[in-house]
Amino acid sequence: MRSLFRSTPIALLLALILTSVFAGGCGRGASEESYKPQEVVAKSALETALSAWKGGRAGPGRFEQTPALQVVDTEWEGGAKLSDFEIGTVEEFGASRKIQVKLKLAGGTAPVEVNYIVVGKDPLWVFRDKDYPGAAM
C-alpha cells in the first residue's frame, strides 16, 4: 500500500492547506464544524468527481467550478478506469462527511466498497478513504 505522504510532494502541501483551513478560523470564532459541508453538497461534489472519472477524465485534481472541488484518489491517479458507481449512505465524520460508495472498476469482477471523505466549503475536498490524512478506517 502506497502512502500518499511518501509518494507525492503535493500531499504535503495538501496537509498544510488542510491544517491552515482548520486553524485559520482560530481566534475569529470559526470552528471545525463550520467547515463541514451540508450532506446534499457533499453528495453532489462526490457525484461530480465520480461521474468525471467514469466519463474518462484522466485523473483527479482540481475541478474549476463554484464551489471549487479538489479530489484526491491515488487509484484514479494511478490510471484505474471506473465503469460504474453507486453512492450509498452519508455519515458525519468529525468535521466532514463520510460517504459509502460501490465502485465498479473496469476489468473487475465485483464492485469494491469504499468510503470517501468530503470536507470544506470552498474548496470542497473529496478524499478516497485510504488517501485521507490520518484516516484509519
Protein backbone atom coordinates (compact mmCIF):
# COMPACT_ATOMS: atom_id res chain seq x y z
CA MET A 1 0.00 0.00 0.00
CA ARG A 2 1.48 3.29 -1.14
CA SER A 3 1.46 6.13 1.36
CA LEU A 4 0.22 9.37 -0.14
CA PHE A 5 2.62 11.36 2.01
CA ARG A 6 5.66 9.43 0.79
CA SER A 7 4.65 9.29 -2.85
CA THR A 8 3.94 12.87 -3.75
CA PRO A 9 5.03 16.31 -2.56
CA ILE A 10 1.54 17.56 -3.34
CA ALA A 11 0.28 15.55 -0.38
CA LEU A 12 2.48 17.54 1.99
CA LEU A 13 1.11 20.75 0.53
CA LEU A 14 -2.39 19.31 0.92
CA ALA A 15 -1.79 18.56 4.59
CA LEU A 16 -0.54 22.10 5.15
CA ILE A 17 -3.59 23.54 3.38
CA LEU A 18 -5.98 21.45 5.45
CA THR A 19 -4.19 22.43 8.63
CA SER A 20 -4.47 26.09 7.69
CA VAL A 21 -8.15 25.68 6.81
CA PHE A 22 -8.94 24.25 10.22
CA ALA A 23 -6.59 26.53 12.13
CA GLY A 24 -7.38 29.61 10.07
CA GLY A 25 -10.53 30.30 12.00
CA CYS A 26 -8.88 30.24 15.40
CA GLY A 27 -9.40 33.48 17.20
CA ARG A 28 -12.13 34.59 14.80
CA GLY A 29 -14.93 32.40 16.08
CA ALA A 30 -14.78 29.75 13.30
CA SER A 31 -14.81 26.13 14.38
CA GLU A 32 -14.04 22.82 12.72
CA GLU A 33 -17.79 22.31 12.47
CA SER A 34 -18.09 25.37 10.24
CA TYR A 35 -16.07 23.52 7.56
CA LYS A 36 -18.44 20.55 7.40
CA PRO A 37 -20.30 20.62 4.08
CA GLN A 38 -24.04 20.08 4.03
CA GLU A 39 -24.98 16.50 3.18
CA VAL A 40 -26.52 17.39 -0.19
CA VAL A 41 -23.45 19.45 -1.14
CA ALA A 42 -21.07 16.63 -0.14
CA LYS A 43 -23.01 14.06 -2.18
CA SER A 44 -23.17 16.38 -5.18
CA ALA A 45 -19.40 17.00 -5.05
CA LEU A 46 -18.69 13.28 -4.88
CA GLU A 47 -21.10 12.56 -7.73
CA THR A 48 -19.39 15.23 -9.86
CA ALA A 49 -15.98 13.66 -9.21
CA LEU A 50 -17.05 10.07 -9.82
CA SER A 51 -19.02 11.00 -12.95
CA ALA A 52 -15.90 12.67 -14.34
CA TRP A 53 -13.83 9.55 -13.57
CA LYS A 54 -16.45 7.32 -15.20
CA GLY A 55 -16.55 9.70 -18.17
CA GLY A 56 -12.83 9.25 -18.77
CA ARG A 57 -11.22 12.21 -17.02
CA ALA A 58 -7.51 11.42 -16.92
CA GLY A 59 -7.09 11.91 -13.18
CA PRO A 60 -8.34 13.60 -10.06
CA GLY A 61 -7.24 17.06 -9.06
CA ARG A 62 -8.89 20.45 -9.17
CA PHE A 63 -12.29 20.94 -10.75
CA GLU A 64 -12.89 24.56 -11.72
CA GLN A 65 -16.46 25.17 -10.59
CA THR A 66 -18.26 27.01 -7.83
CA PRO A 67 -17.53 26.00 -5.15
CA ALA A 68 -14.13 24.73 -6.28
CA LEU A 69 -13.58 20.98 -5.92
CA GLN A 70 -10.29 19.23 -5.19
CA VAL A 71 -10.22 15.42 -5.47
CA VAL A 72 -7.58 13.05 -4.05
CA ASP A 73 -7.76 9.40 -5.14
CA THR A 74 -4.48 7.55 -5.74
CA GLU A 75 -6.17 4.65 -7.53
CA TRP A 76 -7.75 7.02 -10.06
CA GLU A 77 -4.48 8.94 -10.28
CA GLY A 78 -2.72 5.62 -10.96
CA GLY A 79 -4.78 5.06 -14.09
CA ALA A 80 -7.63 2.83 -12.89
CA LYS A 81 -10.76 3.12 -15.04
CA LEU A 82 -14.22 3.41 -13.47
CA SER A 83 -17.10 1.71 -15.27
CA ASP A 84 -19.84 2.47 -12.73
CA PHE A 85 -20.52 3.63 -9.18
CA GLU A 86 -23.31 3.70 -6.62
CA ILE A 87 -23.38 6.30 -3.86
CA GLY A 88 -24.69 4.97 -0.57
CA THR A 89 -25.19 6.35 2.90
CA VAL A 90 -23.71 9.55 4.28
CA GLU A 91 -22.44 9.81 7.86
CA GLU A 92 -20.96 12.63 9.90
CA PHE A 93 -17.24 12.08 10.34
CA GLY A 94 -15.82 14.72 12.66
CA ALA A 95 -15.86 17.99 10.73
CA SER A 96 -16.53 16.17 7.45
CA ARG A 97 -18.90 13.73 5.76
CA LYS A 98 -18.09 10.09 5.10
CA ILE A 99 -19.93 8.62 2.12
CA GLN A 100 -20.11 4.92 1.28
CA VAL A 101 -19.65 4.08 -2.38
CA LYS A 102 -19.61 0.93 -4.50
CA LEU A 103 -17.11 1.28 -7.32
CA LYS A 104 -17.10 -0.99 -10.35
CA LEU A 105 -13.62 -0.76 -11.84
CA ALA A 106 -13.00 -1.74 -15.44
CA GLY A 107 -11.77 -5.30 -15.57
CA GLY A 108 -13.00 -6.02 -12.04
CA THR A 109 -15.47 -8.79 -11.35
CA ALA A 110 -17.32 -7.35 -8.37
CA PRO A 111 -17.96 -3.86 -7.02
CA VAL A 112 -15.48 -2.59 -4.43
CA GLU A 113 -16.97 -0.94 -1.34
CA VAL A 114 -15.05 2.18 -0.28
CA ASN A 115 -15.64 5.40 1.60
CA TYR A 116 -14.99 8.95 0.51
CA ILE A 117 -14.44 11.83 2.91
CA VAL A 118 -15.76 15.27 1.91
CA VAL A 119 -14.60 18.30 3.88
CA GLY A 120 -14.54 22.05 3.45
CA LYS A 121 -16.77 24.66 1.85
CA ASP A 122 -14.81 26.36 -0.93
CA PRO A 123 -12.89 24.47 -1.96
CA LEU A 124 -14.61 21.20 -1.21
CA TRP A 125 -12.09 18.39 -0.75
CA VAL A 126 -13.03 14.84 -1.73
CA PHE A 127 -10.66 12.14 -0.46
CA ARG A 128 -10.73 8.39 -1.03
CA ASP A 129 -10.66 6.89 2.49
CA LYS A 130 -7.15 5.47 2.13
CA ASP A 131 -5.89 8.86 0.94
CA TYR A 132 -7.37 10.94 3.77
CA PRO A 133 -4.59 12.25 6.03
CA GLY A 134 -4.58 10.36 9.31
CA ALA A 135 -7.61 8.21 8.49
CA ALA A 136 -7.64 4.67 9.77
CA MET A 137 -10.89 3.17 8.63
